[in-house]
């Protein structure tokens, strides 16, 4: 059994940091040590920021985004084209699309994908809210931007079925060769998707 080299407060900090995605036990120890060494410049302000975030963070009742206001900053932005709705699995996908800056549209966060093996059904996701938003009118295009996994495709098909008969154009992200990618290094599934999603030039 390893001997303890710090007090319980620092050990707790390390254990909590180790639960952050991308940080294992060793990285958590290094991060905790850095924070403790820079107590006044980093640890104090970080603790204050985390406490404030804990008090103020909300889930947007409209789209499912994470923000400190409800409706969120994205939904409240009148400069966006709210007639185009991008459907994503998670908030991290919304943030990734926003970083790319490709479209000035609105979003809808599902909160995951359908996965019967994991016990995730339609009622566990924000699909009813999506159907209601489309049924309320004003949405002319729905862009399904879910991951190219079996669960993602199943979710996309389910959403398409739920919106059948509604006057909305449903599109999805193209799949295939990434920008800068070389054909020799791609798997067969990606190559097949690229050929099926080919476009005119």
N, C-alpha and C. Protein backbone atom coordinates (compact mmCIF):
# COMPACT_ATOMS: atom_id res chain seq x y z
N UNK A 1 0.84 -1.19 0.00
CA UNK A 1 0.00 0.00 0.00
C UNK A 1 0.89 1.25 0.00
N UNK A 2 0.59 2.17 -0.94
CA UNK A 2 1.40 3.38 -1.06
C UNK A 2 1.18 4.31 0.13
N UNK A 3 2.26 4.95 0.56
CA UNK A 3 2.15 5.90 1.66
C UNK A 3 1.56 7.21 1.14
N UNK A 4 0.81 7.85 1.98
CA UNK A 4 0.24 9.15 1.65
C UNK A 4 1.29 10.23 1.79
N UNK A 5 1.37 11.13 0.79
CA UNK A 5 2.38 12.19 0.86
C UNK A 5 1.76 13.57 1.00
N UNK A 6 0.43 13.64 0.94
CA UNK A 6 -0.26 14.92 1.10
C UNK A 6 -1.45 14.74 2.03
N UNK A 7 -2.00 15.88 2.44
CA UNK A 7 -3.18 15.85 3.28
C UNK A 7 -4.42 15.45 2.49
N UNK A 8 -5.52 15.16 3.19
CA UNK A 8 -6.74 14.70 2.52
C UNK A 8 -7.35 15.71 1.56
N UNK A 9 -7.13 17.00 1.81
CA UNK A 9 -7.70 18.03 0.93
C UNK A 9 -7.06 17.97 -0.46
N UNK A 10 -5.73 17.84 -0.49
CA UNK A 10 -5.03 17.77 -1.78
C UNK A 10 -5.32 16.44 -2.46
N UNK A 11 -5.42 15.35 -1.69
CA UNK A 11 -5.77 14.05 -2.26
C UNK A 11 -7.15 14.10 -2.92
N UNK A 12 -8.08 14.79 -2.27
CA UNK A 12 -9.44 14.92 -2.84
C UNK A 12 -9.39 15.72 -4.14
N UNK A 13 -8.57 16.79 -4.16
CA UNK A 13 -8.40 17.58 -5.37
C UNK A 13 -7.87 16.72 -6.51
N UNK A 14 -6.89 15.89 -6.22
CA UNK A 14 -6.30 14.99 -7.23
C UNK A 14 -7.35 14.01 -7.73
N UNK A 15 -8.10 13.42 -6.82
CA UNK A 15 -9.13 12.44 -7.21
C UNK A 15 -10.20 13.07 -8.10
N UNK A 16 -10.60 14.30 -7.78
CA UNK A 16 -11.61 14.97 -8.60
C UNK A 16 -11.06 15.36 -9.97
N UNK A 17 -9.81 15.85 -10.00
CA UNK A 17 -9.19 16.21 -11.28
C UNK A 17 -9.03 14.98 -12.17
N UNK A 18 -8.78 13.81 -11.58
CA UNK A 18 -8.60 12.58 -12.34
C UNK A 18 -9.88 12.15 -13.05
N UNK A 19 -11.03 12.68 -12.62
CA UNK A 19 -12.31 12.36 -13.25
C UNK A 19 -12.60 13.22 -14.47
N UNK A 20 -11.79 14.28 -14.67
CA UNK A 20 -11.96 15.15 -15.83
C UNK A 20 -11.47 14.41 -17.07
N UNK A 21 -12.26 14.41 -18.17
CA UNK A 21 -11.82 13.72 -19.39
C UNK A 21 -10.46 14.24 -19.86
N UNK A 22 -9.58 13.30 -20.21
CA UNK A 22 -8.25 13.67 -20.68
C UNK A 22 -7.21 13.72 -19.58
N UNK A 23 -7.65 13.64 -18.33
CA UNK A 23 -6.70 13.64 -17.20
C UNK A 23 -6.75 12.29 -16.50
N UNK A 24 -5.63 11.60 -16.49
CA UNK A 24 -5.51 10.37 -15.72
C UNK A 24 -4.94 10.69 -14.35
N UNK A 25 -4.66 9.65 -13.55
CA UNK A 25 -4.12 9.89 -12.21
C UNK A 25 -2.82 10.69 -12.19
N UNK A 26 -1.90 10.39 -13.12
CA UNK A 26 -0.62 11.11 -13.14
C UNK A 26 -0.81 12.57 -13.55
N UNK A 27 -1.59 12.78 -14.62
CA UNK A 27 -1.85 14.15 -15.07
C UNK A 27 -2.57 14.94 -14.00
N UNK A 28 -3.48 14.29 -13.28
CA UNK A 28 -4.21 14.96 -12.20
C UNK A 28 -3.27 15.38 -11.09
N UNK A 29 -2.29 14.53 -10.77
CA UNK A 29 -1.30 14.88 -9.74
C UNK A 29 -0.48 16.09 -10.15
N UNK A 30 -0.05 16.10 -11.44
CA UNK A 30 0.74 17.23 -11.95
C UNK A 30 -0.09 18.51 -11.93
N UNK A 31 -1.36 18.41 -12.36
CA UNK A 31 -2.23 19.59 -12.38
C UNK A 31 -2.48 20.10 -10.97
N UNK A 32 -2.73 19.18 -10.04
CA UNK A 32 -2.98 19.58 -8.65
C UNK A 32 -1.75 20.25 -8.05
N UNK A 33 -0.58 19.68 -8.32
CA UNK A 33 0.66 20.27 -7.80
C UNK A 33 0.87 21.67 -8.36
N UNK A 34 0.60 21.84 -9.66
CA UNK A 34 0.75 23.16 -10.29
C UNK A 34 -0.23 24.16 -9.66
N UNK A 35 -1.47 23.73 -9.45
CA UNK A 35 -2.48 24.61 -8.86
C UNK A 35 -2.09 25.01 -7.43
N UNK A 36 -1.60 24.05 -6.67
CA UNK A 36 -1.23 24.32 -5.28
C UNK A 36 -0.03 25.26 -5.22
N UNK A 37 0.95 25.06 -6.12
CA UNK A 37 2.12 25.94 -6.15
C UNK A 37 1.73 27.37 -6.52
N UNK A 38 0.73 27.52 -7.38
CA UNK A 38 0.26 28.84 -7.82
C UNK A 38 -1.08 29.14 -7.15
N UNK A 39 -1.12 28.96 -5.86
CA UNK A 39 -2.36 29.07 -5.11
C UNK A 39 -3.08 30.40 -5.32
N UNK A 40 -2.35 31.50 -5.24
CA UNK A 40 -2.98 32.82 -5.35
C UNK A 40 -3.34 33.18 -6.79
N UNK A 41 -2.48 32.79 -7.74
CA UNK A 41 -2.73 33.17 -9.14
C UNK A 41 -3.73 32.23 -9.83
N UNK A 42 -3.76 30.95 -9.43
CA UNK A 42 -4.60 29.97 -10.14
C UNK A 42 -5.67 29.31 -9.27
N UNK A 43 -5.26 28.73 -8.16
CA UNK A 43 -6.18 27.92 -7.36
C UNK A 43 -7.36 28.73 -6.82
N UNK A 44 -7.07 29.91 -6.27
CA UNK A 44 -8.14 30.75 -5.74
C UNK A 44 -9.12 31.21 -6.82
N UNK A 45 -8.61 31.84 -7.92
CA UNK A 45 -9.51 32.27 -8.98
C UNK A 45 -10.28 31.10 -9.62
N UNK A 46 -9.61 29.93 -9.74
CA UNK A 46 -10.29 28.76 -10.32
C UNK A 46 -11.43 28.30 -9.42
N UNK A 47 -11.18 28.29 -8.12
CA UNK A 47 -12.22 27.89 -7.16
C UNK A 47 -13.41 28.85 -7.23
N UNK A 48 -13.11 30.15 -7.32
CA UNK A 48 -14.19 31.14 -7.43
C UNK A 48 -14.98 30.96 -8.72
N UNK A 49 -14.27 30.75 -9.84
CA UNK A 49 -14.93 30.58 -11.13
C UNK A 49 -15.80 29.32 -11.14
N UNK A 50 -15.29 28.25 -10.54
CA UNK A 50 -16.06 27.00 -10.49
C UNK A 50 -17.30 27.14 -9.60
N UNK A 51 -17.14 27.85 -8.51
CA UNK A 51 -18.29 28.07 -7.62
C UNK A 51 -19.37 28.89 -8.31
N UNK A 52 -18.94 29.92 -9.03
CA UNK A 52 -19.90 30.77 -9.75
C UNK A 52 -20.58 29.98 -10.87
N UNK A 53 -19.80 29.16 -11.59
CA UNK A 53 -20.37 28.33 -12.65
C UNK A 53 -21.38 27.35 -12.06
N UNK A 54 -21.06 26.76 -10.92
CA UNK A 54 -21.96 25.81 -10.27
C UNK A 54 -23.30 26.47 -9.91
N UNK A 55 -23.24 27.71 -9.48
CA UNK A 55 -24.46 28.42 -9.10
C UNK A 55 -25.28 28.87 -10.31
N UNK A 56 -24.60 29.25 -11.40
CA UNK A 56 -25.29 29.92 -12.50
C UNK A 56 -25.58 29.08 -13.74
N UNK A 57 -24.90 27.95 -13.91
CA UNK A 57 -25.07 27.16 -15.14
C UNK A 57 -26.48 26.58 -15.23
N UNK A 58 -27.07 26.72 -16.41
CA UNK A 58 -28.42 26.23 -16.70
C UNK A 58 -28.40 25.44 -18.00
N UNK A 59 -29.39 24.57 -18.17
CA UNK A 59 -29.62 23.90 -19.45
C UNK A 59 -30.71 24.69 -20.16
N UNK A 60 -30.45 25.11 -21.40
CA UNK A 60 -31.41 25.90 -22.16
C UNK A 60 -32.69 25.11 -22.38
N UNK A 61 -33.81 25.68 -22.01
CA UNK A 61 -35.10 25.00 -22.15
C UNK A 61 -35.54 24.89 -23.59
N UNK A 62 -34.91 25.65 -24.48
CA UNK A 62 -35.26 25.62 -25.90
C UNK A 62 -34.45 24.59 -26.67
N UNK A 63 -33.11 24.67 -26.56
CA UNK A 63 -32.25 23.82 -27.41
C UNK A 63 -31.44 22.77 -26.65
N UNK A 64 -31.28 22.91 -25.35
CA UNK A 64 -30.49 21.94 -24.58
C UNK A 64 -29.03 22.32 -24.41
N UNK A 65 -28.64 23.53 -24.86
CA UNK A 65 -27.27 24.00 -24.70
C UNK A 65 -27.00 24.31 -23.23
N UNK A 66 -25.72 24.38 -22.87
CA UNK A 66 -25.32 24.74 -21.51
C UNK A 66 -24.91 26.21 -21.50
N UNK A 67 -25.49 26.99 -20.60
CA UNK A 67 -25.18 28.41 -20.53
C UNK A 67 -25.55 28.92 -19.13
N UNK A 68 -25.35 30.20 -18.91
CA UNK A 68 -25.73 30.79 -17.62
C UNK A 68 -27.05 31.54 -17.73
N UNK A 69 -27.64 31.57 -18.94
CA UNK A 69 -28.94 32.20 -19.13
C UNK A 69 -29.87 31.23 -19.86
N UNK A 70 -31.16 31.42 -19.69
CA UNK A 70 -32.17 30.57 -20.34
C UNK A 70 -33.29 31.46 -20.86
N UNK A 71 -33.52 31.51 -22.19
CA UNK A 71 -32.84 30.80 -23.26
C UNK A 71 -31.38 31.20 -23.37
N UNK A 72 -30.58 30.29 -23.94
CA UNK A 72 -29.14 30.48 -24.00
C UNK A 72 -28.74 31.59 -24.97
N UNK A 73 -27.46 31.88 -24.99
CA UNK A 73 -26.92 32.94 -25.85
C UNK A 73 -27.21 32.67 -27.32
N UNK A 74 -27.11 31.42 -27.74
CA UNK A 74 -27.35 31.06 -29.14
C UNK A 74 -28.82 31.29 -29.50
N UNK A 75 -29.73 30.79 -28.67
CA UNK A 75 -31.17 30.94 -28.94
C UNK A 75 -31.62 32.40 -28.87
N UNK A 76 -30.94 33.20 -28.05
CA UNK A 76 -31.32 34.61 -27.89
C UNK A 76 -30.75 35.51 -28.99
N UNK A 77 -29.84 35.00 -29.78
CA UNK A 77 -29.17 35.80 -30.81
C UNK A 77 -30.08 36.01 -32.01
N UNK A 78 -30.58 37.22 -32.17
CA UNK A 78 -31.52 37.53 -33.25
C UNK A 78 -30.84 37.59 -34.62
N UNK A 79 -29.51 37.65 -34.64
CA UNK A 79 -28.79 37.69 -35.92
C UNK A 79 -28.68 36.31 -36.55
N UNK A 80 -29.01 35.27 -35.82
CA UNK A 80 -28.94 33.91 -36.36
C UNK A 80 -30.16 33.60 -37.22
N UNK A 81 -29.96 32.66 -38.14
CA UNK A 81 -31.06 32.17 -38.96
C UNK A 81 -31.75 31.05 -38.21
N UNK A 82 -32.83 31.37 -37.50
CA UNK A 82 -33.54 30.39 -36.68
C UNK A 82 -34.42 29.46 -37.50
N UNK A 83 -34.46 29.68 -38.82
CA UNK A 83 -35.22 28.77 -39.68
C UNK A 83 -34.39 27.55 -40.06
N UNK A 84 -33.08 27.59 -39.77
CA UNK A 84 -32.20 26.45 -39.99
C UNK A 84 -31.77 25.91 -38.63
N UNK A 85 -32.04 24.63 -38.39
CA UNK A 85 -31.78 24.01 -37.10
C UNK A 85 -30.77 22.89 -37.29
N UNK A 86 -29.64 22.96 -36.58
CA UNK A 86 -28.62 21.92 -36.65
C UNK A 86 -28.79 21.02 -35.42
N UNK A 87 -29.04 19.73 -35.68
CA UNK A 87 -29.27 18.76 -34.60
C UNK A 87 -27.96 18.07 -34.28
N UNK A 88 -27.52 18.15 -33.01
CA UNK A 88 -26.26 17.55 -32.59
C UNK A 88 -26.50 16.61 -31.41
N UNK A 89 -25.54 15.71 -31.20
CA UNK A 89 -25.66 14.75 -30.10
C UNK A 89 -25.43 15.41 -28.75
N UNK A 90 -24.39 16.23 -28.66
CA UNK A 90 -23.97 16.76 -27.38
C UNK A 90 -23.56 18.23 -27.50
N UNK A 91 -23.46 18.90 -26.38
CA UNK A 91 -23.06 20.31 -26.35
C UNK A 91 -21.66 20.48 -26.95
N UNK A 92 -20.78 19.49 -26.75
CA UNK A 92 -19.43 19.58 -27.30
C UNK A 92 -19.47 19.66 -28.83
N UNK A 93 -20.45 19.00 -29.45
CA UNK A 93 -20.60 19.07 -30.91
C UNK A 93 -21.06 20.46 -31.33
N UNK A 94 -21.96 21.05 -30.56
CA UNK A 94 -22.42 22.42 -30.83
C UNK A 94 -21.23 23.37 -30.78
N UNK A 95 -20.41 23.24 -29.73
CA UNK A 95 -19.25 24.12 -29.58
C UNK A 95 -18.27 23.92 -30.73
N UNK A 96 -18.08 22.67 -31.18
CA UNK A 96 -17.15 22.39 -32.28
C UNK A 96 -17.64 23.05 -33.57
N UNK A 97 -18.94 22.97 -33.85
CA UNK A 97 -19.49 23.59 -35.06
C UNK A 97 -19.40 25.11 -34.98
N UNK A 98 -19.58 25.66 -33.79
CA UNK A 98 -19.47 27.10 -33.61
C UNK A 98 -18.03 27.57 -33.83
N UNK A 99 -17.06 26.77 -33.37
CA UNK A 99 -15.65 27.11 -33.59
C UNK A 99 -15.35 27.15 -35.08
N UNK A 100 -15.95 26.23 -35.83
CA UNK A 100 -15.72 26.18 -37.28
C UNK A 100 -16.32 27.41 -37.96
N UNK A 101 -17.39 27.96 -37.39
CA UNK A 101 -18.01 29.17 -37.93
C UNK A 101 -18.57 29.01 -39.33
N UNK A 102 -18.98 27.79 -39.69
CA UNK A 102 -19.46 27.53 -41.05
C UNK A 102 -20.87 28.04 -41.29
N UNK A 103 -21.71 28.05 -40.25
CA UNK A 103 -23.11 28.47 -40.43
C UNK A 103 -23.54 29.34 -39.26
N UNK A 104 -24.49 30.20 -39.53
CA UNK A 104 -25.03 31.08 -38.50
C UNK A 104 -26.46 30.63 -38.19
N UNK A 105 -26.60 29.36 -37.79
CA UNK A 105 -27.91 28.75 -37.58
C UNK A 105 -28.19 28.56 -36.10
N UNK A 106 -29.37 28.01 -35.80
CA UNK A 106 -29.72 27.64 -34.44
C UNK A 106 -29.42 26.15 -34.25
N UNK A 107 -29.50 25.67 -33.02
CA UNK A 107 -29.14 24.29 -32.72
C UNK A 107 -30.22 23.59 -31.91
N UNK A 108 -30.09 22.25 -31.88
CA UNK A 108 -30.90 21.44 -30.97
C UNK A 108 -30.01 20.30 -30.48
N UNK A 109 -29.81 20.22 -29.17
CA UNK A 109 -28.94 19.20 -28.57
C UNK A 109 -29.80 18.03 -28.10
N UNK A 110 -29.49 16.83 -28.63
CA UNK A 110 -30.27 15.64 -28.29
C UNK A 110 -29.92 15.08 -26.92
N UNK A 111 -28.66 15.23 -26.52
CA UNK A 111 -28.23 14.67 -25.24
C UNK A 111 -27.75 13.23 -25.36
N UNK A 112 -27.39 12.82 -26.59
CA UNK A 112 -26.89 11.46 -26.81
C UNK A 112 -27.49 10.87 -28.08
N UNK A 113 -27.40 9.55 -28.19
CA UNK A 113 -27.96 8.84 -29.34
C UNK A 113 -28.75 7.64 -28.84
N UNK A 114 -29.63 7.14 -29.70
CA UNK A 114 -30.39 5.94 -29.37
C UNK A 114 -29.43 4.76 -29.28
N UNK A 115 -29.55 4.00 -28.21
CA UNK A 115 -28.69 2.83 -28.02
C UNK A 115 -29.43 1.80 -27.16
N UNK A 116 -30.23 0.95 -27.82
CA UNK A 116 -31.01 -0.04 -27.06
C UNK A 116 -30.16 -0.93 -26.16
N UNK A 117 -28.94 -1.27 -26.59
CA UNK A 117 -28.07 -2.12 -25.78
C UNK A 117 -27.67 -1.45 -24.47
N UNK A 118 -27.58 -0.10 -24.50
CA UNK A 118 -27.25 0.65 -23.28
C UNK A 118 -28.49 1.16 -22.57
N UNK A 119 -29.66 0.78 -23.06
CA UNK A 119 -30.91 1.20 -22.43
C UNK A 119 -31.30 2.63 -22.70
N UNK A 120 -30.77 3.23 -23.80
CA UNK A 120 -31.10 4.61 -24.15
C UNK A 120 -32.16 4.59 -25.25
N UNK A 121 -33.37 5.00 -24.89
CA UNK A 121 -34.48 5.04 -25.85
C UNK A 121 -34.86 6.47 -26.19
N UNK A 122 -35.87 6.64 -27.03
CA UNK A 122 -36.31 7.98 -27.46
C UNK A 122 -36.68 8.90 -26.31
N UNK A 123 -37.25 8.34 -25.24
CA UNK A 123 -37.68 9.17 -24.11
C UNK A 123 -36.50 9.68 -23.28
N UNK A 124 -35.32 9.09 -23.48
CA UNK A 124 -34.12 9.52 -22.75
C UNK A 124 -33.41 10.67 -23.44
N UNK A 125 -33.84 10.97 -24.66
CA UNK A 125 -33.21 12.03 -25.44
C UNK A 125 -34.18 13.19 -25.64
N UNK A 126 -33.67 14.30 -26.14
CA UNK A 126 -34.48 15.51 -26.36
C UNK A 126 -35.11 15.50 -27.76
N UNK A 127 -35.72 14.36 -28.13
CA UNK A 127 -36.32 14.22 -29.46
C UNK A 127 -37.71 14.84 -29.49
N UNK A 128 -38.49 14.66 -28.43
CA UNK A 128 -39.84 15.25 -28.39
C UNK A 128 -39.77 16.76 -28.51
N UNK A 129 -38.78 17.37 -27.85
CA UNK A 129 -38.60 18.81 -27.94
C UNK A 129 -38.28 19.26 -29.36
N UNK A 130 -37.49 18.44 -30.07
CA UNK A 130 -37.15 18.74 -31.47
C UNK A 130 -38.39 18.67 -32.35
N UNK A 131 -39.16 17.61 -32.20
CA UNK A 131 -40.38 17.45 -33.00
C UNK A 131 -41.34 18.62 -32.74
N UNK A 132 -41.42 19.04 -31.47
CA UNK A 132 -42.30 20.16 -31.11
C UNK A 132 -41.82 21.46 -31.75
N UNK A 133 -40.51 21.68 -31.76
CA UNK A 133 -39.96 22.90 -32.37
C UNK A 133 -40.30 22.96 -33.86
N UNK A 134 -40.19 21.83 -34.54
CA UNK A 134 -40.51 21.78 -35.96
C UNK A 134 -42.01 21.95 -36.17
N UNK A 135 -42.81 21.30 -35.33
CA UNK A 135 -44.27 21.38 -35.44
C UNK A 135 -44.78 22.80 -35.20
N UNK A 136 -44.08 23.57 -34.38
CA UNK A 136 -44.48 24.95 -34.10
C UNK A 136 -44.31 25.86 -35.30
N UNK A 137 -43.57 25.40 -36.30
CA UNK A 137 -43.39 26.18 -37.52
C UNK A 137 -42.16 27.07 -37.45
N UNK A 138 -41.78 27.60 -38.61
CA UNK A 138 -40.65 28.51 -38.68
C UNK A 138 -39.33 27.83 -39.01
N UNK A 139 -39.29 26.49 -38.96
CA UNK A 139 -38.06 25.76 -39.30
C UNK A 139 -38.21 25.25 -40.73
N UNK A 140 -37.36 25.74 -41.63
CA UNK A 140 -37.44 25.29 -43.03
C UNK A 140 -36.44 24.20 -43.35
N UNK A 141 -35.31 24.15 -42.60
CA UNK A 141 -34.33 23.08 -42.83
C UNK A 141 -33.79 22.55 -41.52
N UNK A 142 -33.69 21.22 -41.46
CA UNK A 142 -33.15 20.54 -40.30
C UNK A 142 -31.88 19.82 -40.77
N UNK A 143 -30.73 20.19 -40.21
CA UNK A 143 -29.47 19.55 -40.57
C UNK A 143 -29.11 18.57 -39.46
N UNK A 144 -29.15 17.28 -39.77
CA UNK A 144 -28.82 16.27 -38.77
C UNK A 144 -27.30 16.08 -38.76
N UNK A 145 -26.67 16.54 -37.69
CA UNK A 145 -25.21 16.52 -37.58
C UNK A 145 -24.77 15.59 -36.46
N UNK A 146 -25.19 14.33 -36.56
CA UNK A 146 -24.80 13.34 -35.56
C UNK A 146 -23.57 12.60 -36.05
N UNK A 147 -22.90 11.90 -35.15
CA UNK A 147 -21.68 11.17 -35.51
C UNK A 147 -21.99 10.02 -36.46
N UNK A 148 -21.00 9.63 -37.27
CA UNK A 148 -21.17 8.56 -38.25
C UNK A 148 -20.96 7.20 -37.61
N UNK A 149 -21.74 6.93 -36.57
CA UNK A 149 -21.70 5.65 -35.88
C UNK A 149 -23.03 4.94 -36.11
N UNK A 150 -23.10 3.67 -35.74
CA UNK A 150 -24.36 2.93 -35.88
C UNK A 150 -25.46 3.62 -35.07
N UNK A 151 -25.11 4.04 -33.85
CA UNK A 151 -26.10 4.71 -32.99
C UNK A 151 -26.52 6.05 -33.58
N UNK A 152 -25.55 6.77 -34.14
CA UNK A 152 -25.85 8.06 -34.76
C UNK A 152 -26.78 7.91 -35.95
N UNK A 153 -26.51 6.91 -36.79
CA UNK A 153 -27.35 6.68 -37.97
C UNK A 153 -28.75 6.22 -37.56
N UNK A 154 -28.83 5.38 -36.53
CA UNK A 154 -30.13 4.93 -36.02
C UNK A 154 -30.94 6.12 -35.52
N UNK A 155 -30.27 7.02 -34.81
CA UNK A 155 -30.94 8.22 -34.28
C UNK A 155 -31.41 9.11 -35.42
N UNK A 156 -30.57 9.28 -36.45
CA UNK A 156 -30.94 10.10 -37.61
C UNK A 156 -32.17 9.54 -38.31
N UNK A 157 -32.23 8.22 -38.49
CA UNK A 157 -33.39 7.59 -39.14
C UNK A 157 -34.65 7.75 -38.29
N UNK A 158 -34.49 7.60 -36.97
CA UNK A 158 -35.64 7.74 -36.07
C UNK A 158 -36.21 9.16 -36.14
N UNK A 159 -35.32 10.15 -36.12
CA UNK A 159 -35.76 11.55 -36.20
C UNK A 159 -36.48 11.80 -37.52
N UNK A 160 -35.93 11.29 -38.61
CA UNK A 160 -36.54 11.45 -39.93
C UNK A 160 -37.95 10.85 -39.95
N UNK A 161 -38.10 9.68 -39.34
CA UNK A 161 -39.42 9.04 -39.27
C UNK A 161 -40.40 9.87 -38.45
N UNK A 162 -39.92 10.45 -37.35
CA UNK A 162 -40.79 11.26 -36.48
C UNK A 162 -41.27 12.53 -37.16
N UNK A 163 -40.48 13.03 -38.11
CA UNK A 163 -40.82 14.29 -38.78
C UNK A 163 -41.52 14.07 -40.13
N UNK A 164 -41.82 12.82 -40.43
CA UNK A 164 -42.47 12.51 -41.70
C UNK A 164 -43.82 13.24 -41.81
N UNK A 165 -44.03 13.88 -42.95
CA UNK A 165 -45.28 14.61 -43.18
C UNK A 165 -45.21 16.08 -42.80
N UNK A 166 -44.16 16.47 -42.08
CA UNK A 166 -44.01 17.88 -41.72
C UNK A 166 -43.26 18.60 -42.85
N UNK A 167 -43.59 19.85 -43.05
CA UNK A 167 -42.97 20.61 -44.13
C UNK A 167 -41.63 21.18 -43.69
N UNK A 168 -40.63 20.31 -43.71
CA UNK A 168 -39.28 20.72 -43.35
C UNK A 168 -38.30 19.91 -44.21
N UNK A 169 -37.29 20.59 -44.73
CA UNK A 169 -36.25 19.92 -45.51
C UNK A 169 -35.26 19.32 -44.53
N UNK A 170 -34.99 18.02 -44.68
CA UNK A 170 -34.07 17.34 -43.77
C UNK A 170 -32.80 16.98 -44.54
N UNK A 171 -31.66 17.47 -44.04
CA UNK A 171 -30.38 17.16 -44.65
C UNK A 171 -29.46 16.59 -43.58
N UNK A 172 -28.32 16.08 -44.00
CA UNK A 172 -27.35 15.57 -43.03
C UNK A 172 -25.95 15.94 -43.48
N UNK A 173 -25.01 15.87 -42.57
CA UNK A 173 -23.62 16.17 -42.90
C UNK A 173 -23.09 15.14 -43.88
N UNK A 174 -22.24 15.58 -44.80
CA UNK A 174 -21.59 14.66 -45.73
C UNK A 174 -20.57 13.82 -44.97
N UNK A 175 -20.38 12.60 -45.43
CA UNK A 175 -19.38 11.72 -44.83
C UNK A 175 -18.39 11.31 -45.91
N UNK A 176 -17.15 11.13 -45.53
CA UNK A 176 -16.19 10.67 -46.52
C UNK A 176 -14.79 11.15 -46.25
N UNK A 177 -14.09 11.50 -47.32
CA UNK A 177 -12.67 11.85 -47.24
C UNK A 177 -12.49 13.19 -46.52
N UNK A 178 -11.68 13.22 -45.44
CA UNK A 178 -11.45 14.49 -44.76
C UNK A 178 -10.53 15.38 -45.58
N UNK A 179 -10.63 16.68 -45.35
CA UNK A 179 -9.76 17.63 -46.04
C UNK A 179 -8.31 17.30 -45.67
N UNK A 180 -7.47 17.15 -46.69
CA UNK A 180 -6.07 16.80 -46.45
C UNK A 180 -5.84 15.31 -46.28
N UNK A 181 -6.92 14.51 -46.38
CA UNK A 181 -6.78 13.06 -46.20
C UNK A 181 -6.24 12.38 -47.45
N UNK A 182 -5.57 11.25 -47.25
CA UNK A 182 -5.05 10.45 -48.35
C UNK A 182 -5.84 9.15 -48.44
N UNK A 183 -6.27 8.80 -49.64
CA UNK A 183 -7.13 7.62 -49.83
C UNK A 183 -6.50 6.35 -49.29
N UNK A 184 -5.19 6.22 -49.43
CA UNK A 184 -4.50 5.01 -49.02
C UNK A 184 -4.64 4.72 -47.53
N UNK A 185 -4.86 5.77 -46.72
CA UNK A 185 -4.92 5.61 -45.27
C UNK A 185 -6.34 5.50 -44.73
N UNK A 186 -7.34 5.59 -45.60
CA UNK A 186 -8.74 5.56 -45.15
C UNK A 186 -9.27 4.14 -45.10
N UNK A 187 -10.19 3.90 -44.17
CA UNK A 187 -10.82 2.58 -44.08
C UNK A 187 -11.87 2.43 -45.17
N UNK A 188 -12.29 1.20 -45.42
CA UNK A 188 -13.23 0.90 -46.50
C UNK A 188 -14.57 1.60 -46.31
N UNK A 189 -15.05 1.66 -45.06
CA UNK A 189 -16.34 2.31 -44.78
C UNK A 189 -16.34 3.78 -45.15
N UNK A 190 -15.23 4.46 -44.86
CA UNK A 190 -15.10 5.87 -45.19
C UNK A 190 -15.06 6.06 -46.70
N UNK A 191 -14.35 5.19 -47.40
CA UNK A 191 -14.27 5.29 -48.86
C UNK A 191 -15.63 5.06 -49.51
N UNK A 192 -16.38 4.08 -49.01
CA UNK A 192 -17.72 3.82 -49.54
C UNK A 192 -18.62 5.02 -49.32
N UNK A 193 -18.57 5.61 -48.10
CA UNK A 193 -19.39 6.79 -47.80
C UNK A 193 -19.00 7.95 -48.69
N UNK A 194 -17.71 8.11 -48.96
CA UNK A 194 -17.23 9.21 -49.81
C UNK A 194 -17.75 9.05 -51.24
N UNK A 195 -17.73 7.83 -51.74
CA UNK A 195 -18.21 7.59 -53.11
C UNK A 195 -19.71 7.81 -53.21
N UNK A 196 -20.45 7.40 -52.20
CA UNK A 196 -21.91 7.59 -52.22
C UNK A 196 -22.30 9.05 -52.06
N UNK A 197 -21.46 9.83 -51.35
CA UNK A 197 -21.77 11.25 -51.12
C UNK A 197 -21.06 12.17 -52.11
N UNK A 198 -20.63 11.63 -53.24
CA UNK A 198 -19.89 12.43 -54.20
C UNK A 198 -20.76 13.58 -54.73
N UNK A 199 -20.11 14.69 -55.08
CA UNK A 199 -20.81 15.86 -55.57
C UNK A 199 -20.20 16.31 -56.90
N UNK A 200 -20.96 17.11 -57.63
CA UNK A 200 -20.47 17.64 -58.92
C UNK A 200 -19.45 18.75 -58.67
N UNK A 201 -18.50 18.90 -59.60
CA UNK A 201 -17.51 19.99 -59.46
C UNK A 201 -17.50 20.84 -60.73
